[in-house]
C-alpha cells in the first residue's frame, strides 16, 4: 500500500533534502578550511568517510522523490530536473 503524498509535499521534502546536502557540503568545506595544509592525508580520508554515506543517502532520497514527483506530474525525470534547475 502506497501513501499518497501531494506534489507540494514532495517538493517540500526535496527542498529540505537539498538544503541538508548543501549544509553537509558547507560542513565539508569548513573542515577543509579548518584543517589547512597541516592536516595529513589520513585525517582527510577519515573526514570524507564520515560524511560521504550521509551525503549519498540524501542524494538517493532526492532522486527517489524527484522520480515520484515526475510521475505525479506526468513528465520525465529529465524534464523534472530541468524544471527544478
PDB file of N, CA and C in Angstrom:
ATOM      1  N   UNK A   1       0.844  -1.175   0.000  1.00  0.00           N
ATOM      2  CA  UNK A   1       0.000   0.000   0.000  1.00  0.00           C
ATOM      3  C   UNK A   1       0.893   1.244   0.000  1.00  0.00           C
ATOM      4  N   UNK A   2       0.609   2.145  -0.890  1.00  0.00           N
ATOM      5  CA  UNK A   2       1.420   3.357  -1.018  1.00  0.00           C
ATOM      6  C   UNK A   2       0.710   4.542  -0.379  1.00  0.00           C
ATOM      7  N   UNK A   3       1.474   5.320   0.327  1.00  0.00           N
ATOM      8  CA  UNK A   3       0.916   6.540   0.911  1.00  0.00           C
ATOM      9  C   UNK A   3       0.811   7.587  -0.184  1.00  0.00           C
ATOM     10  N   UNK A   4      -0.257   8.326  -0.170  1.00  0.00           N
ATOM     11  CA  UNK A   4      -0.438   9.382  -1.160  1.00  0.00           C
ATOM     12  C   UNK A   4       0.165  10.665  -0.622  1.00  0.00           C
ATOM     13  N   UNK A   5       1.075  11.219  -1.388  1.00  0.00           N
ATOM     14  CA  UNK A   5       1.753  12.450  -0.999  1.00  0.00           C
ATOM     15  C   UNK A   5       1.512  13.461  -2.099  1.00  0.00           C
ATOM     16  N   UNK A   6       1.152  14.660  -1.704  1.00  0.00           N
ATOM     17  CA  UNK A   6       0.878  15.686  -2.703  1.00  0.00           C
ATOM     18  C   UNK A   6       2.175  16.162  -3.350  1.00  0.00           C
ATOM     19  N   UNK A   7       2.018  16.774  -4.496  1.00  0.00           N
ATOM     20  CA  UNK A   7       3.159  17.332  -5.212  1.00  0.00           C
ATOM     21  C   UNK A   7       3.857  18.372  -4.343  1.00  0.00           C
ATOM     22  N   UNK A   8       3.082  19.156  -3.636  1.00  0.00           N
ATOM     23  CA  UNK A   8       3.659  20.178  -2.768  1.00  0.00           C
ATOM     24  C   UNK A   8       4.476  19.556  -1.638  1.00  0.00           C
ATOM     25  N   UNK A   9       3.977  18.468  -1.072  1.00  0.00           N
ATOM     26  CA  UNK A   9       4.715  17.788  -0.007  1.00  0.00           C
ATOM     27  C   UNK A   9       6.008  17.187  -0.538  1.00  0.00           C
ATOM     28  N   UNK A  10       5.948  16.602  -1.733  1.00  0.00           N
ATOM     29  CA  UNK A  10       7.159  16.048  -2.336  1.00  0.00           C
ATOM     30  C   UNK A  10       8.163  17.157  -2.638  1.00  0.00           C
ATOM     31  N   UNK A  11       7.674  18.259  -3.178  1.00  0.00           N
ATOM     32  CA  UNK A  11       8.563  19.377  -3.496  1.00  0.00           C
ATOM     33  C   UNK A  11       9.196  19.926  -2.222  1.00  0.00           C
ATOM     34  N   UNK A  12       8.422  20.011  -1.143  1.00  0.00           N
ATOM     35  CA  UNK A  12       8.951  20.496   0.130  1.00  0.00           C
ATOM     36  C   UNK A  12      10.008  19.538   0.670  1.00  0.00           C
ATOM     37  N   UNK A  13       9.779  18.243   0.527  1.00  0.00           N
ATOM     38  CA  UNK A  13      10.741  17.239   1.001  1.00  0.00           C
ATOM     39  C   UNK A  13      12.031  17.313   0.184  1.00  0.00           C
ATOM     40  N   UNK A  14      11.884  17.471  -1.137  1.00  0.00           N
ATOM     41  CA  UNK A  14      13.063  17.609  -1.995  1.00  0.00           C
ATOM     42  C   UNK A  14      13.857  18.842  -1.587  1.00  0.00           C
ATOM     43  N   UNK A  15      13.155  19.953  -1.354  1.00  0.00           N
ATOM     44  CA  UNK A  15      13.836  21.185  -0.959  1.00  0.00           C
ATOM     45  C   UNK A  15      14.563  21.007   0.373  1.00  0.00           C
ATOM     46  N   UNK A  16      13.928  20.323   1.316  1.00  0.00           N
ATOM     47  CA  UNK A  16      14.554  20.099   2.623  1.00  0.00           C
ATOM     48  C   UNK A  16      15.805  19.225   2.476  1.00  0.00           C
ATOM     49  N   UNK A  17      15.724  18.200   1.651  1.00  0.00           N
ATOM     50  CA  UNK A  17      16.881  17.325   1.446  1.00  0.00           C
ATOM     51  C   UNK A  17      18.001  18.062   0.711  1.00  0.00           C
ATOM     52  N   UNK A  18      17.640  18.884  -0.250  1.00  0.00           N
ATOM     53  CA  UNK A  18      18.661  19.674  -0.949  1.00  0.00           C
ATOM     54  C   UNK A  18      19.350  20.634   0.018  1.00  0.00           C
ATOM     55  N   UNK A  19      18.575  21.222   0.934  1.00  0.00           N
ATOM     56  CA  UNK A  19      19.161  22.114   1.936  1.00  0.00           C
ATOM     57  C   UNK A  19      20.118  21.342   2.841  1.00  0.00           C
ATOM     58  N   UNK A  20      19.752  20.111   3.172  1.00  0.00           N
ATOM     59  CA  UNK A  20      20.634  19.292   4.020  1.00  0.00           C
ATOM     60  C   UNK A  20      21.924  18.937   3.283  1.00  0.00           C
ATOM     61  N   UNK A  21      21.810  18.637   1.991  1.00  0.00           N
ATOM     62  CA  UNK A  21      23.001  18.353   1.185  1.00  0.00           C
ATOM     63  C   UNK A  21      23.896  19.586   1.160  1.00  0.00           C
ATOM     64  N   UNK A  22      23.296  20.746   0.940  1.00  0.00           N
ATOM     65  CA  UNK A  22      24.068  21.991   0.907  1.00  0.00           C
ATOM     66  C   UNK A  22      24.771  22.227   2.247  1.00  0.00           C
ATOM     67  N   UNK A  23      24.064  21.950   3.338  1.00  0.00           N
ATOM     68  CA  UNK A  23      24.649  22.102   4.666  1.00  0.00           C
ATOM     69  C   UNK A  23      25.841  21.168   4.851  1.00  0.00           C
ATOM     70  N   UNK A  24      25.699  19.920   4.403  1.00  0.00           N
ATOM     71  CA  UNK A  24      26.796  18.957   4.515  1.00  0.00           C
ATOM     72  C   UNK A  24      27.982  19.371   3.653  1.00  0.00           C
ATOM     73  N   UNK A  25      27.683  19.894   2.455  1.00  0.00           N
ATOM     74  CA  UNK A  25      28.776  20.352   1.599  1.00  0.00           C
ATOM     75  C   UNK A  25      29.518  21.520   2.252  1.00  0.00           C
ATOM     76  N   UNK A  26      28.774  22.422   2.900  1.00  0.00           N
ATOM     77  CA  UNK A  26      29.410  23.539   3.602  1.00  0.00           C
ATOM     78  C   UNK A  26      30.254  23.032   4.771  1.00  0.00           C
ATOM     79  N   UNK A  27      29.743  21.999   5.448  1.00  0.00           N
ATOM     80  CA  UNK A  27      30.491  21.418   6.565  1.00  0.00           C
ATOM     81  C   UNK A  27      31.808  20.820   6.077  1.00  0.00           C
ATOM     82  N   UNK A  28      31.756  20.145   4.939  1.00  0.00           N
ATOM     83  CA  UNK A  28      32.975  19.574   4.363  1.00  0.00           C
ATOM     84  C   UNK A  28      33.954  20.692   4.019  1.00  0.00           C
ATOM     85  N   UNK A  29      33.467  21.753   3.390  1.00  0.00           N
ATOM     86  CA  UNK A  29      34.334  22.884   3.043  1.00  0.00           C
ATOM     87  C   UNK A  29      34.928  23.522   4.298  1.00  0.00           C
ATOM     88  N   UNK A  30      34.108  23.628   5.333  1.00  0.00           N
ATOM     89  CA  UNK A  30      34.583  24.194   6.594  1.00  0.00           C
ATOM     90  C   UNK A  30      35.690  23.337   7.199  1.00  0.00           C
ATOM     91  N   UNK A  31      35.491  22.030   7.147  1.00  0.00           N
ATOM     92  CA  UNK A  31      36.511  21.116   7.662  1.00  0.00           C
ATOM     93  C   UNK A  31      37.805  21.238   6.863  1.00  0.00           C
ATOM     94  N   UNK A  32      37.660  21.417   5.561  1.00  0.00           N
ATOM     95  CA  UNK A  32      38.843  21.579   4.719  1.00  0.00           C
ATOM     96  C   UNK A  32      39.597  22.857   5.098  1.00  0.00           C
ATOM     97  N   UNK A  33      38.858  23.945   5.306  1.00  0.00           N
ATOM     98  CA  UNK A  33      39.495  25.218   5.646  1.00  0.00           C
ATOM     99  C   UNK A  33      40.148  25.155   7.024  1.00  0.00           C
ATOM    100  N   UNK A  34      39.442  24.542   7.989  1.00  0.00           N
ATOM    101  CA  UNK A  34      39.977  24.421   9.345  1.00  0.00           C
ATOM    102  C   UNK A  34      41.269  23.627   9.363  1.00  0.00           C
ATOM    103  N   UNK A  35      41.313  22.604   8.535  1.00  0.00           N
ATOM    104  CA  UNK A  35      42.468  21.719   8.561  1.00  0.00           C
ATOM    105  C   UNK A  35      43.696  22.364   7.945  1.00  0.00           C
ATOM    106  N   UNK A  36      43.477  23.253   7.002  1.00  0.00           N
ATOM    107  CA  UNK A  36      44.607  23.901   6.356  1.00  0.00           C
ATOM    108  C   UNK A  36      45.515  22.897   5.680  1.00  0.00           C
ATOM    109  N   UNK A  37      46.723  23.294   5.453  1.00  0.00           N
ATOM    110  CA  UNK A  37      47.666  22.412   4.762  1.00  0.00           C
ATOM    111  C   UNK A  37      48.381  21.478   5.728  1.00  0.00           C
ATOM    112  N   UNK A  38      48.139  21.610   7.008  1.00  0.00           N
ATOM    113  CA  UNK A  38      48.852  20.809   8.000  1.00  0.00           C
ATOM    114  C   UNK A  38      48.169  19.474   8.282  1.00  0.00           C
ATOM    115  N   UNK A  39      46.969  19.301   7.784  1.00  0.00           N
ATOM    116  CA  UNK A  39      46.257  18.048   8.029  1.00  0.00           C
ATOM    117  C   UNK A  39      46.838  16.950   7.146  1.00  0.00           C
ATOM    118  N   UNK A  40      47.038  15.800   7.720  1.00  0.00           N
ATOM    119  CA  UNK A  40      47.599  14.710   6.943  1.00  0.00           C
ATOM    120  C   UNK A  40      46.523  13.993   6.135  1.00  0.00           C
ATOM    121  N   UNK A  41      46.954  13.201   5.203  1.00  0.00           N
ATOM    122  CA  UNK A  41      46.036  12.520   4.290  1.00  0.00           C
ATOM    123  C   UNK A  41      45.074  11.604   5.038  1.00  0.00           C
ATOM    124  N   UNK A  42      45.550  10.963   6.084  1.00  0.00           N
ATOM    125  CA  UNK A  42      44.694  10.041   6.836  1.00  0.00           C
ATOM    126  C   UNK A  42      43.509  10.770   7.458  1.00  0.00           C
ATOM    127  N   UNK A  43      43.735  11.949   8.007  1.00  0.00           N
ATOM    128  CA  UNK A  43      42.653  12.728   8.614  1.00  0.00           C
ATOM    129  C   UNK A  43      41.642  13.180   7.560  1.00  0.00           C
ATOM    130  N   UNK A  44      42.126  13.534   6.390  1.00  0.00           N
ATOM    131  CA  UNK A  44      41.235  13.944   5.302  1.00  0.00           C
ATOM    132  C   UNK A  44      40.349  12.771   4.885  1.00  0.00           C
ATOM    133  N   UNK A  45      40.952  11.608   4.749  1.00  0.00           N
ATOM    134  CA  UNK A  45      40.201  10.424   4.355  1.00  0.00           C
ATOM    135  C   UNK A  45      39.162  10.074   5.417  1.00  0.00           C
ATOM    136  N   UNK A  46      39.516  10.137   6.679  1.00  0.00           N
ATOM    137  CA  UNK A  46      38.571   9.834   7.762  1.00  0.00           C
ATOM    138  C   UNK A  46      37.388  10.793   7.734  1.00  0.00           C
ATOM    139  N   UNK A  47      37.667  12.068   7.507  1.00  0.00           N
ATOM    140  CA  UNK A  47      36.603  13.066   7.427  1.00  0.00           C
ATOM    141  C   UNK A  47      35.669  12.761   6.261  1.00  0.00           C
ATOM    142  N   UNK A  48      36.239  12.448   5.128  1.00  0.00           N
ATOM    143  CA  UNK A  48      35.464  12.124   3.933  1.00  0.00           C
ATOM    144  C   UNK A  48      34.603  10.884   4.173  1.00  0.00           C
ATOM    145  N   UNK A  49      35.199   9.857   4.743  1.00  0.00           N
ATOM    146  CA  UNK A  49      34.483   8.612   5.010  1.00  0.00           C
ATOM    147  C   UNK A  49      33.324   8.850   5.961  1.00  0.00           C
ATOM    148  N   UNK A  50      33.511   9.716   6.920  1.00  0.00           N
ATOM    149  CA  UNK A  50      32.468  10.015   7.907  1.00  0.00           C
ATOM    150  C   UNK A  50      31.266  10.704   7.261  1.00  0.00           C
ATOM    151  N   UNK A  51      31.502  11.621   6.348  1.00  0.00           N
ATOM    152  CA  UNK A  51      30.425  12.415   5.773  1.00  0.00           C
ATOM    153  C   UNK A  51      29.805  11.809   4.513  1.00  0.00           C
ATOM    154  N   UNK A  52      30.534  11.035   3.769  1.00  0.00           N
ATOM    155  CA  UNK A  52      30.076  10.552   2.470  1.00  0.00           C
ATOM    156  C   UNK A  52      28.817   9.686   2.539  1.00  0.00           C
ATOM    157  N   UNK A  53      28.676   8.738   3.469  1.00  0.00           N
ATOM    158  CA  UNK A  53      27.457   7.909   3.477  1.00  0.00           C
ATOM    159  C   UNK A  53      26.175   8.738   3.664  1.00  0.00           C
ATOM    160  N   UNK A  54      26.239   9.725   4.525  1.00  0.00           N
ATOM    161  CA  UNK A  54      25.050  10.566   4.746  1.00  0.00           C
ATOM    162  C   UNK A  54      24.712  11.361   3.491  1.00  0.00           C
ATOM    163  N   UNK A  55      25.735  11.886   2.847  1.00  0.00           N
ATOM    164  CA  UNK A  55      25.528  12.617   1.597  1.00  0.00           C
ATOM    165  C   UNK A  55      24.869  11.698   0.557  1.00  0.00           C
ATOM    166  N   UNK A  56      25.361  10.469   0.443  1.00  0.00           N
ATOM    167  CA  UNK A  56      24.798   9.523  -0.525  1.00  0.00           C
ATOM    168  C   UNK A  56      23.346   9.184  -0.209  1.00  0.00           C
ATOM    169  N   UNK A  57      23.011   9.024   1.075  1.00  0.00           N
ATOM    170  CA  UNK A  57      21.632   8.743   1.475  1.00  0.00           C
ATOM    171  C   UNK A  57      20.717   9.879   1.047  1.00  0.00           C
ATOM    172  N   UNK A  58      21.156  11.091   1.285  1.00  0.00           N
ATOM    173  CA  UNK A  58      20.344  12.258   0.940  1.00  0.00           C
ATOM    174  C   UNK A  58      20.187  12.361  -0.575  1.00  0.00           C
ATOM    175  N   UNK A  59      21.276  12.164  -1.287  1.00  0.00           N
ATOM    176  CA  UNK A  59      21.235  12.229  -2.756  1.00  0.00           C
ATOM    177  C   UNK A  59      20.280  11.172  -3.303  1.00  0.00           C
ATOM    178  N   UNK A  60      20.337   9.942  -2.778  1.00  0.00           N
ATOM    179  CA  UNK A  60      19.446   8.876  -3.225  1.00  0.00           C
ATOM    180  C   UNK A  60      17.984   9.217  -2.938  1.00  0.00           C
ATOM    181  N   UNK A  61      17.724   9.773  -1.758  1.00  0.00           N
ATOM    182  CA  UNK A  61      16.352  10.152  -1.401  1.00  0.00           C
ATOM    183  C   UNK A  61      15.832  11.230  -2.344  1.00  0.00           C
ATOM    184  N   UNK A  62      16.671  12.185  -2.679  1.00  0.00           N
ATOM    185  CA  UNK A  62      16.264  13.244  -3.605  1.00  0.00           C
ATOM    186  C   UNK A  62      15.930  12.643  -4.969  1.00  0.00           C
ATOM    187  N   UNK A  63      16.733  11.690  -5.428  1.00  0.00           N
ATOM    188  CA  UNK A  63      16.462  11.059  -6.726  1.00  0.00           C
ATOM    189  C   UNK A  63      15.142  10.299  -6.708  1.00  0.00           C
ATOM    190  N   UNK A  64      14.855   9.602  -5.624  1.00  0.00           N
ATOM    191  CA  UNK A  64      13.595   8.865  -5.497  1.00  0.00           C
ATOM    192  C   UNK A  64      12.416   9.832  -5.512  1.00  0.00           C
ATOM    193  N   UNK A  65      12.517  10.882  -4.701  1.00  0.00           N
ATOM    194  CA  UNK A  65      11.422  11.851  -4.630  1.00  0.00           C
ATOM    195  C   UNK A  65      11.230  12.587  -5.951  1.00  0.00           C
ATOM    196  N   UNK A  66      12.313  12.887  -6.628  1.00  0.00           N
ATOM    197  CA  UNK A  66      12.215  13.547  -7.927  1.00  0.00           C
ATOM    198  C   UNK A  66      11.503  12.632  -8.920  1.00  0.00           C
ATOM    199  N   UNK A  67      11.815  11.358  -8.892  1.00  0.00           N
ATOM    200  CA  UNK A  67      11.142  10.393  -9.760  1.00  0.00           C
ATOM    201  C   UNK A  67       9.652  10.307  -9.469  1.00  0.00           C
ATOM    202  N   UNK A  68       9.295  10.280  -8.197  1.00  0.00           N
ATOM    203  CA  UNK A  68       7.880  10.222  -7.826  1.00  0.00           C
ATOM    204  C   UNK A  68       7.154  11.503  -8.231  1.00  0.00           C
ATOM    205  N   UNK A  69       7.820  12.629  -8.021  1.00  0.00           N
ATOM    206  CA  UNK A  69       7.231  13.916  -8.400  1.00  0.00           C
ATOM    207  C   UNK A  69       7.033  13.974  -9.914  1.00  0.00           C
ATOM    208  N   UNK A  70       7.996  13.491 -10.680  1.00  0.00           N
ATOM    209  CA  UNK A  70       7.880  13.456 -12.137  1.00  0.00           C
ATOM    210  C   UNK A  70       6.700  12.576 -12.556  1.00  0.00           C
ATOM    211  N   UNK A  71       6.543  11.437 -11.894  1.00  0.00           N
ATOM    212  CA  UNK A  71       5.423  10.556 -12.193  1.00  0.00           C
ATOM    213  C   UNK A  71       4.100  11.247 -11.915  1.00  0.00           C
ATOM    214  N   UNK A  72       3.995  11.913 -10.777  1.00  0.00           N
ATOM    215  CA  UNK A  72       2.765  12.618 -10.436  1.00  0.00           C
ATOM    216  C   UNK A  72       2.445  13.724 -11.434  1.00  0.00           C
ATOM    217  N   UNK A  73       3.476  14.375 -11.937  1.00  0.00           N
ATOM    218  CA  UNK A  73       3.275  15.467 -12.897  1.00  0.00           C
ATOM    219  C   UNK A  73       3.242  14.965 -14.341  1.00  0.00           C
ATOM    220  N   UNK A  74       3.357  13.636 -14.498  1.00  0.00           N
ATOM    221  CA  UNK A  74       3.337  13.002 -15.811  1.00  0.00           C
ATOM    222  C   UNK A  74       4.393  13.597 -16.740  1.00  0.00           C
ATOM    223  N   UNK A  75       5.623  13.631 -16.251  1.00  0.00           N
ATOM    224  CA  UNK A  75       6.745  14.105 -17.042  1.00  0.00           C
ATOM    225  C   UNK A  75       7.934  13.186 -16.792  1.00  0.00           C
ATOM    226  N   UNK A  76       8.949  13.319 -17.608  1.00  0.00           N
ATOM    227  CA  UNK A  76      10.141  12.508 -17.405  1.00  0.00           C
ATOM    228  C   UNK A  76      10.969  13.095 -16.265  1.00  0.00           C
ATOM    229  N   UNK A  77      11.861  12.261 -15.735  1.00  0.00           N
ATOM    230  CA  UNK A  77      12.751  12.744 -14.670  1.00  0.00           C
ATOM    231  C   UNK A  77      13.624  13.870 -15.217  1.00  0.00           C
ATOM    232  N   UNK A  78      14.084  13.746 -16.450  1.00  0.00           N
ATOM    233  CA  UNK A  78      14.918  14.791 -17.064  1.00  0.00           C
ATOM    234  C   UNK A  78      14.149  16.116 -17.110  1.00  0.00           C
ATOM    235  N   UNK A  79      12.878  16.074 -17.530  1.00  0.00           N
ATOM    236  CA  UNK A  79      12.069  17.295 -17.553  1.00  0.00           C
ATOM    237  C   UNK A  79      11.908  17.859 -16.143  1.00  0.00           C
ATOM    238  N   UNK A  80      11.711  16.958 -15.186  1.00  0.00           N
ATOM    239  CA  UNK A  80      11.543  17.389 -13.792  1.00  0.00           C
ATOM    240  C   UNK A  80      12.813  18.061 -13.302  1.00  0.00           C
ATOM    241  N   UNK A  81      13.968  17.471 -13.583  1.00  0.00           N
ATOM    242  CA  UNK A  81      15.223  18.056 -13.156  1.00  0.00           C
ATOM    243  C   UNK A  81      15.456  19.404 -13.825  1.00  0.00           C
ATOM    244  N   UNK A  82      15.095  19.514 -15.098  1.00  0.00           N
ATOM    245  CA  UNK A  82      15.222  20.792 -15.786  1.00  0.00           C
ATOM    246  C   UNK A  82      14.314  21.839 -15.138  1.00  0.00           C
ATOM    247  N   UNK A  83      13.085  21.435 -14.764  1.00  0.00           N
ATOM    248  CA  UNK A  83      12.159  22.360 -14.097  1.00  0.00           C
ATOM    249  C   UNK A  83      12.691  22.807 -12.735  1.00  0.00           C
ATOM    250  N   UNK A  84      13.330  21.861 -12.016  1.00  0.00           N
ATOM    251  CA  UNK A  84      13.854  22.176 -10.684  1.00  0.00           C
ATOM    252  C   UNK A  84      15.196  22.902 -10.745  1.00  0.00           C
ATOM    253  N   UNK A  85      15.785  22.954 -11.936  1.00  0.00           N
ATOM    254  CA  UNK A  85      17.075  23.607 -12.177  1.00  0.00           C
ATOM    255  C   UNK A  85      18.155  22.954 -11.351  1.00  0.00           C
TER     256      UNK A  85
END
